[in-house]
Amino acid sequence: MSAPIRVLVAKPGLDGHDRGAKVVARALRDAGFEVIYTGLHQTPEMIVNTAVQEDVQVIGLSILSGAHLVLVPDIVKKLSEKGLSDVLLLVGGIIPDEDLSSLKIAGVHMVFTPGTPLPDVVKYIKENAPQRK
């Protein structure tokens, strides 16, 4: 039997609302993933350092503040610097349609907006998370 998929759920920046992140974290845990939730007000450095320490396969960023076009590229850059370019990077939250392509170009694999059914998120991770040896 393989080890469970390890997922980091993080709230970058000054966003102070984490109900959605907690709901997603609980759904992922209930689906059998190992979930690490970092809490509010995480810097890109804190998120990447936690990803390294926890050896995660997936990072889910919950962003409602509108700072996604600044924070996400910084996180992607820091992940690459730490040799974690294979991590499945997901973003959830209030993301305008016109910003979706910029996030994908920056290195985000999928963006989940409000109303996405939780089973869809679980399925996407199961189908796309990199396997650990």
N, C-alpha and C. Protein backbone atom coordinates (compact mmCIF):
# COMPACT_ATOMS: atom_id res chain seq x y z
N MET A 1 0.84 -1.19 0.00
CA MET A 1 0.00 0.00 0.00
C MET A 1 0.89 1.25 0.00
N SER A 2 0.56 2.23 -0.84
CA SER A 2 1.37 3.43 -0.92
C SER A 2 1.00 4.41 0.19
N ALA A 3 1.95 5.28 0.50
CA ALA A 3 1.74 6.29 1.53
C ALA A 3 0.70 7.30 1.05
N PRO A 4 -0.03 7.91 1.98
CA PRO A 4 -1.02 8.91 1.58
C PRO A 4 -0.35 10.13 0.94
N ILE A 5 -1.08 10.78 0.08
CA ILE A 5 -0.61 12.02 -0.54
C ILE A 5 -0.54 13.09 0.54
N ARG A 6 0.59 13.80 0.56
CA ARG A 6 0.80 14.87 1.55
C ARG A 6 0.48 16.22 0.90
N VAL A 7 -0.44 16.96 1.54
CA VAL A 7 -0.92 18.23 1.00
C VAL A 7 -0.71 19.34 2.02
N LEU A 8 -0.11 20.43 1.58
CA LEU A 8 0.03 21.63 2.40
C LEU A 8 -1.05 22.61 1.98
N VAL A 9 -1.87 23.06 2.93
CA VAL A 9 -2.87 24.09 2.67
C VAL A 9 -2.38 25.35 3.36
N ALA A 10 -2.24 26.43 2.60
CA ALA A 10 -1.65 27.65 3.14
C ALA A 10 -2.45 28.88 2.74
N LYS A 11 -2.38 29.88 3.60
CA LYS A 11 -3.02 31.19 3.38
C LYS A 11 -1.93 32.24 3.27
N PRO A 12 -1.47 32.54 2.05
CA PRO A 12 -0.41 33.53 1.91
C PRO A 12 -0.93 34.96 2.05
N GLY A 13 -0.06 35.82 2.53
CA GLY A 13 -0.38 37.24 2.59
C GLY A 13 -1.21 37.63 3.78
N LEU A 14 -1.87 38.76 3.64
CA LEU A 14 -2.59 39.36 4.76
C LEU A 14 -4.06 39.00 4.81
N ASP A 15 -4.47 38.07 3.99
CA ASP A 15 -5.86 37.60 3.97
C ASP A 15 -6.22 37.05 5.35
N GLY A 16 -7.30 37.52 5.94
CA GLY A 16 -7.67 37.10 7.28
C GLY A 16 -8.85 36.15 7.34
N HIS A 17 -9.27 35.60 6.22
CA HIS A 17 -10.45 34.73 6.19
C HIS A 17 -9.99 33.32 5.84
N ASP A 18 -10.22 32.36 6.73
CA ASP A 18 -9.72 31.01 6.46
C ASP A 18 -10.76 29.91 6.53
N ARG A 19 -12.03 30.26 6.55
CA ARG A 19 -13.06 29.23 6.63
C ARG A 19 -12.99 28.28 5.43
N GLY A 20 -12.85 28.82 4.24
CA GLY A 20 -12.79 27.98 3.05
C GLY A 20 -11.59 27.05 3.08
N ALA A 21 -10.44 27.56 3.50
CA ALA A 21 -9.23 26.74 3.58
C ALA A 21 -9.42 25.60 4.57
N LYS A 22 -10.08 25.89 5.67
CA LYS A 22 -10.32 24.84 6.68
C LYS A 22 -11.30 23.79 6.16
N VAL A 23 -12.30 24.22 5.41
CA VAL A 23 -13.27 23.27 4.83
C VAL A 23 -12.55 22.36 3.84
N VAL A 24 -11.71 22.95 2.99
CA VAL A 24 -10.97 22.15 2.01
C VAL A 24 -10.00 21.20 2.73
N ALA A 25 -9.29 21.71 3.73
CA ALA A 25 -8.34 20.87 4.48
C ALA A 25 -9.06 19.67 5.10
N ARG A 26 -10.22 19.90 5.68
CA ARG A 26 -10.97 18.80 6.29
C ARG A 26 -11.45 17.79 5.24
N ALA A 27 -11.90 18.28 4.10
CA ALA A 27 -12.37 17.38 3.04
C ALA A 27 -11.21 16.52 2.52
N LEU A 28 -10.03 17.12 2.38
CA LEU A 28 -8.87 16.37 1.91
C LEU A 28 -8.45 15.33 2.95
N ARG A 29 -8.48 15.71 4.20
CA ARG A 29 -8.15 14.75 5.27
C ARG A 29 -9.15 13.59 5.26
N ASP A 30 -10.43 13.92 5.13
CA ASP A 30 -11.46 12.88 5.11
C ASP A 30 -11.32 11.97 3.89
N ALA A 31 -10.68 12.47 2.83
CA ALA A 31 -10.46 11.66 1.62
C ALA A 31 -9.20 10.80 1.73
N GLY A 32 -8.50 10.90 2.86
CA GLY A 32 -7.34 10.05 3.08
C GLY A 32 -5.99 10.70 2.86
N PHE A 33 -5.97 11.99 2.56
CA PHE A 33 -4.71 12.69 2.40
C PHE A 33 -4.14 13.08 3.76
N GLU A 34 -2.83 13.21 3.84
CA GLU A 34 -2.20 13.82 5.02
C GLU A 34 -2.18 15.31 4.75
N VAL A 35 -2.81 16.10 5.62
CA VAL A 35 -2.95 17.53 5.39
C VAL A 35 -2.21 18.31 6.47
N ILE A 36 -1.42 19.28 6.02
CA ILE A 36 -0.74 20.21 6.90
C ILE A 36 -1.36 21.56 6.61
N TYR A 37 -1.95 22.18 7.63
CA TYR A 37 -2.55 23.52 7.46
C TYR A 37 -1.69 24.52 8.23
N THR A 38 -1.22 25.54 7.53
CA THR A 38 -0.27 26.47 8.13
C THR A 38 -0.90 27.63 8.88
N GLY A 39 -2.19 27.87 8.68
CA GLY A 39 -2.81 29.01 9.33
C GLY A 39 -2.70 30.28 8.49
N LEU A 40 -3.13 31.37 9.08
CA LEU A 40 -3.21 32.66 8.39
C LEU A 40 -1.86 33.35 8.30
N HIS A 41 -1.78 34.32 7.39
CA HIS A 41 -0.68 35.29 7.29
C HIS A 41 0.67 34.65 7.05
N GLN A 42 0.74 33.75 6.10
CA GLN A 42 1.99 33.07 5.78
C GLN A 42 2.73 33.82 4.68
N THR A 43 4.02 33.98 4.85
CA THR A 43 4.84 34.58 3.79
C THR A 43 5.18 33.49 2.78
N PRO A 44 5.56 33.88 1.57
CA PRO A 44 6.01 32.87 0.62
C PRO A 44 7.14 32.01 1.18
N GLU A 45 8.08 32.62 1.90
CA GLU A 45 9.19 31.87 2.50
C GLU A 45 8.69 30.83 3.49
N MET A 46 7.74 31.22 4.32
CA MET A 46 7.19 30.29 5.31
C MET A 46 6.51 29.10 4.63
N ILE A 47 5.77 29.38 3.58
CA ILE A 47 5.05 28.33 2.86
C ILE A 47 6.04 27.35 2.23
N VAL A 48 7.04 27.88 1.55
CA VAL A 48 8.01 27.02 0.87
C VAL A 48 8.84 26.24 1.89
N ASN A 49 9.24 26.87 2.97
CA ASN A 49 10.01 26.15 4.01
C ASN A 49 9.19 25.02 4.62
N THR A 50 7.90 25.26 4.84
CA THR A 50 7.04 24.20 5.37
C THR A 50 6.90 23.08 4.35
N ALA A 51 6.78 23.43 3.08
CA ALA A 51 6.67 22.40 2.03
C ALA A 51 7.92 21.51 2.02
N VAL A 52 9.07 22.12 2.19
CA VAL A 52 10.32 21.35 2.23
C VAL A 52 10.35 20.45 3.47
N GLN A 53 10.08 21.03 4.62
CA GLN A 53 10.13 20.28 5.88
C GLN A 53 9.14 19.13 5.91
N GLU A 54 7.98 19.32 5.33
CA GLU A 54 6.92 18.32 5.38
C GLU A 54 6.94 17.37 4.18
N ASP A 55 7.82 17.61 3.22
CA ASP A 55 7.95 16.76 2.03
C ASP A 55 6.60 16.54 1.36
N VAL A 56 5.92 17.65 1.05
CA VAL A 56 4.58 17.55 0.46
C VAL A 56 4.66 17.33 -1.04
N GLN A 57 3.61 16.75 -1.56
CA GLN A 57 3.47 16.56 -3.00
C GLN A 57 2.57 17.62 -3.62
N VAL A 58 1.73 18.24 -2.78
CA VAL A 58 0.74 19.20 -3.25
C VAL A 58 0.75 20.40 -2.33
N ILE A 59 0.64 21.59 -2.92
CA ILE A 59 0.43 22.82 -2.15
C ILE A 59 -0.86 23.44 -2.66
N GLY A 60 -1.76 23.70 -1.74
CA GLY A 60 -3.00 24.41 -2.05
C GLY A 60 -2.97 25.77 -1.38
N LEU A 61 -3.00 26.82 -2.19
CA LEU A 61 -2.99 28.19 -1.67
C LEU A 61 -4.41 28.73 -1.71
N SER A 62 -4.87 29.24 -0.59
CA SER A 62 -6.18 29.87 -0.52
C SER A 62 -5.97 31.38 -0.46
N ILE A 63 -6.44 32.07 -1.50
CA ILE A 63 -6.20 33.51 -1.59
C ILE A 63 -7.51 34.23 -1.89
N LEU A 64 -7.88 35.13 -1.00
CA LEU A 64 -9.08 35.93 -1.19
C LEU A 64 -8.75 37.42 -1.26
N SER A 65 -7.50 37.79 -1.01
CA SER A 65 -7.10 39.18 -0.85
C SER A 65 -6.90 39.94 -2.15
N GLY A 66 -6.78 39.23 -3.28
CA GLY A 66 -6.49 39.89 -4.54
C GLY A 66 -5.00 40.00 -4.84
N ALA A 67 -4.16 39.46 -3.96
CA ALA A 67 -2.71 39.57 -4.13
C ALA A 67 -2.11 38.37 -4.86
N HIS A 68 -2.95 37.56 -5.50
CA HIS A 68 -2.48 36.33 -6.12
C HIS A 68 -1.44 36.54 -7.22
N LEU A 69 -1.52 37.62 -7.98
CA LEU A 69 -0.56 37.84 -9.07
C LEU A 69 0.82 38.28 -8.56
N VAL A 70 0.90 38.66 -7.30
CA VAL A 70 2.18 38.99 -6.67
C VAL A 70 2.71 37.79 -5.87
N LEU A 71 1.85 37.20 -5.06
CA LEU A 71 2.27 36.13 -4.16
C LEU A 71 2.60 34.82 -4.88
N VAL A 72 1.77 34.43 -5.82
CA VAL A 72 1.95 33.12 -6.46
C VAL A 72 3.27 33.04 -7.25
N PRO A 73 3.60 34.02 -8.10
CA PRO A 73 4.89 33.92 -8.80
C PRO A 73 6.09 33.87 -7.83
N ASP A 74 5.99 34.58 -6.72
CA ASP A 74 7.06 34.55 -5.72
C ASP A 74 7.18 33.16 -5.11
N ILE A 75 6.06 32.53 -4.81
CA ILE A 75 6.07 31.17 -4.26
C ILE A 75 6.63 30.19 -5.28
N VAL A 76 6.22 30.32 -6.53
CA VAL A 76 6.73 29.43 -7.59
C VAL A 76 8.25 29.57 -7.70
N LYS A 77 8.73 30.79 -7.68
CA LYS A 77 10.18 31.04 -7.78
C LYS A 77 10.91 30.37 -6.61
N LYS A 78 10.40 30.55 -5.42
CA LYS A 78 11.05 29.98 -4.24
C LYS A 78 10.98 28.44 -4.24
N LEU A 79 9.88 27.88 -4.74
CA LEU A 79 9.79 26.43 -4.87
C LEU A 79 10.87 25.91 -5.82
N SER A 80 11.04 26.59 -6.93
CA SER A 80 12.05 26.19 -7.90
C SER A 80 13.45 26.28 -7.29
N GLU A 81 13.72 27.34 -6.55
CA GLU A 81 15.02 27.51 -5.90
C GLU A 81 15.32 26.38 -4.92
N LYS A 82 14.28 25.81 -4.31
CA LYS A 82 14.45 24.72 -3.33
C LYS A 82 14.36 23.35 -3.98
N GLY A 83 14.23 23.31 -5.31
CA GLY A 83 14.15 22.04 -6.00
C GLY A 83 12.80 21.36 -5.92
N LEU A 84 11.76 22.14 -5.72
CA LEU A 84 10.40 21.58 -5.58
C LEU A 84 9.51 21.92 -6.77
N SER A 85 10.09 21.98 -7.95
CA SER A 85 9.28 22.34 -9.11
C SER A 85 8.30 21.24 -9.51
N ASP A 86 8.44 20.05 -8.92
CA ASP A 86 7.51 18.96 -9.24
C ASP A 86 6.26 18.96 -8.36
N VAL A 87 6.19 19.83 -7.37
CA VAL A 87 5.03 19.90 -6.48
C VAL A 87 3.82 20.39 -7.27
N LEU A 88 2.69 19.75 -7.05
CA LEU A 88 1.43 20.16 -7.68
C LEU A 88 0.94 21.41 -6.96
N LEU A 89 0.91 22.54 -7.65
CA LEU A 89 0.51 23.81 -7.05
C LEU A 89 -0.90 24.17 -7.47
N LEU A 90 -1.77 24.28 -6.48
CA LEU A 90 -3.17 24.61 -6.70
C LEU A 90 -3.50 25.93 -6.01
N VAL A 91 -4.41 26.69 -6.58
CA VAL A 91 -4.87 27.93 -5.98
C VAL A 91 -6.38 27.88 -5.90
N GLY A 92 -6.89 28.34 -4.78
CA GLY A 92 -8.33 28.46 -4.60
C GLY A 92 -8.66 29.82 -4.05
N GLY A 93 -9.87 30.29 -4.35
CA GLY A 93 -10.29 31.57 -3.81
C GLY A 93 -10.94 32.45 -4.84
N ILE A 94 -10.95 33.72 -4.53
CA ILE A 94 -11.57 34.71 -5.40
C ILE A 94 -10.53 35.13 -6.44
N ILE A 95 -10.59 34.50 -7.60
CA ILE A 95 -9.64 34.76 -8.67
C ILE A 95 -10.43 35.20 -9.90
N PRO A 96 -10.23 36.44 -10.36
CA PRO A 96 -10.94 36.88 -11.57
C PRO A 96 -10.56 36.04 -12.78
N ASP A 97 -11.52 35.82 -13.66
CA ASP A 97 -11.28 35.02 -14.87
C ASP A 97 -10.09 35.53 -15.67
N GLU A 98 -9.93 36.84 -15.72
CA GLU A 98 -8.84 37.41 -16.53
C GLU A 98 -7.45 37.12 -15.95
N ASP A 99 -7.38 36.64 -14.71
CA ASP A 99 -6.09 36.33 -14.09
C ASP A 99 -5.73 34.84 -14.19
N LEU A 100 -6.65 34.02 -14.64
CA LEU A 100 -6.40 32.57 -14.69
C LEU A 100 -5.21 32.21 -15.57
N SER A 101 -5.12 32.79 -16.76
CA SER A 101 -4.02 32.44 -17.64
C SER A 101 -2.68 32.90 -17.08
N SER A 102 -2.64 34.04 -16.41
CA SER A 102 -1.39 34.51 -15.79
C SER A 102 -0.93 33.56 -14.71
N LEU A 103 -1.86 33.02 -13.93
CA LEU A 103 -1.50 32.07 -12.87
C LEU A 103 -0.98 30.77 -13.47
N LYS A 104 -1.62 30.31 -14.54
CA LYS A 104 -1.16 29.09 -15.21
C LYS A 104 0.24 29.28 -15.79
N ILE A 105 0.47 30.42 -16.42
CA ILE A 105 1.80 30.73 -16.97
C ILE A 105 2.84 30.78 -15.85
N ALA A 106 2.44 31.29 -14.69
CA ALA A 106 3.36 31.40 -13.54
C ALA A 106 3.72 30.03 -12.96
N GLY A 107 2.89 29.00 -13.23
CA GLY A 107 3.21 27.67 -12.73
C GLY A 107 2.13 27.00 -11.91
N VAL A 108 0.96 27.61 -11.84
CA VAL A 108 -0.16 27.00 -11.12
C VAL A 108 -0.77 25.91 -12.01
N HIS A 109 -1.03 24.75 -11.44
CA HIS A 109 -1.59 23.65 -12.20
C HIS A 109 -3.09 23.77 -12.39
N MET A 110 -3.79 24.24 -11.33
CA MET A 110 -5.25 24.36 -11.41
C MET A 110 -5.71 25.44 -10.43
N VAL A 111 -6.75 26.16 -10.83
CA VAL A 111 -7.37 27.15 -9.97
C VAL A 111 -8.80 26.69 -9.69
N PHE A 112 -9.14 26.63 -8.42
CA PHE A 112 -10.48 26.26 -7.99
C PHE A 112 -11.16 27.49 -7.41
N THR A 113 -12.24 27.89 -8.01
CA THR A 113 -12.95 29.07 -7.55
C THR A 113 -14.11 28.67 -6.64
N PRO A 114 -14.70 29.64 -5.93
CA PRO A 114 -15.81 29.30 -5.03
C PRO A 114 -16.91 28.54 -5.76
N GLY A 115 -17.44 27.54 -5.08
CA GLY A 115 -18.49 26.72 -5.66
C GLY A 115 -17.99 25.44 -6.28
N THR A 116 -16.67 25.27 -6.39
CA THR A 116 -16.13 24.02 -6.92
C THR A 116 -16.49 22.89 -5.96
N PRO A 117 -17.12 21.83 -6.42
CA PRO A 117 -17.44 20.72 -5.52
C PRO A 117 -16.16 20.09 -4.94
N LEU A 118 -16.16 19.85 -3.65
CA LEU A 118 -14.99 19.27 -2.99
C LEU A 118 -14.56 17.94 -3.60
N PRO A 119 -15.48 17.07 -4.02
CA PRO A 119 -15.04 15.84 -4.68
C PRO A 119 -14.22 16.09 -5.95
N ASP A 120 -14.48 17.20 -6.62
CA ASP A 120 -13.70 17.55 -7.81
C ASP A 120 -12.25 17.87 -7.44
N VAL A 121 -12.07 18.56 -6.32
CA VAL A 121 -10.72 18.90 -5.84
C VAL A 121 -9.99 17.61 -5.46
N VAL A 122 -10.65 16.75 -4.73
CA VAL A 122 -10.06 15.47 -4.32
C VAL A 122 -9.65 14.66 -5.54
N LYS A 123 -10.54 14.56 -6.51
CA LYS A 123 -10.26 13.79 -7.73
C LYS A 123 -9.07 14.37 -8.48
N TYR A 124 -9.03 15.68 -8.60
CA TYR A 124 -7.93 16.31 -9.32
C TYR A 124 -6.59 15.98 -8.65
N ILE A 125 -6.54 16.07 -7.34
CA ILE A 125 -5.30 15.78 -6.63
C ILE A 125 -4.91 14.31 -6.80
N LYS A 126 -5.87 13.41 -6.64
CA LYS A 126 -5.57 11.99 -6.80
C LYS A 126 -5.00 11.68 -8.18
N GLU A 127 -5.53 12.35 -9.20
CA GLU A 127 -5.11 12.08 -10.57
C GLU A 127 -3.81 12.80 -10.97
N ASN A 128 -3.41 13.84 -10.24
CA ASN A 128 -2.31 14.67 -10.69
C ASN A 128 -1.15 14.83 -9.72
N ALA A 129 -1.31 14.41 -8.49
CA ALA A 129 -0.21 14.57 -7.51
C ALA A 129 0.98 13.70 -7.92
N PRO A 130 2.17 14.25 -7.84
CA PRO A 130 3.35 13.43 -8.16
C PRO A 130 3.52 12.31 -7.13
N GLN A 131 3.97 11.18 -7.59
CA GLN A 131 4.18 10.04 -6.71
C GLN A 131 5.52 10.17 -6.00
N ARG A 132 5.55 9.79 -4.74
CA ARG A 132 6.80 9.81 -3.99
C ARG A 132 7.33 8.39 -3.92
N LYS A 133 8.63 8.26 -3.95
CA LYS A 133 9.27 6.94 -3.89
C LYS A 133 9.51 6.53 -2.47
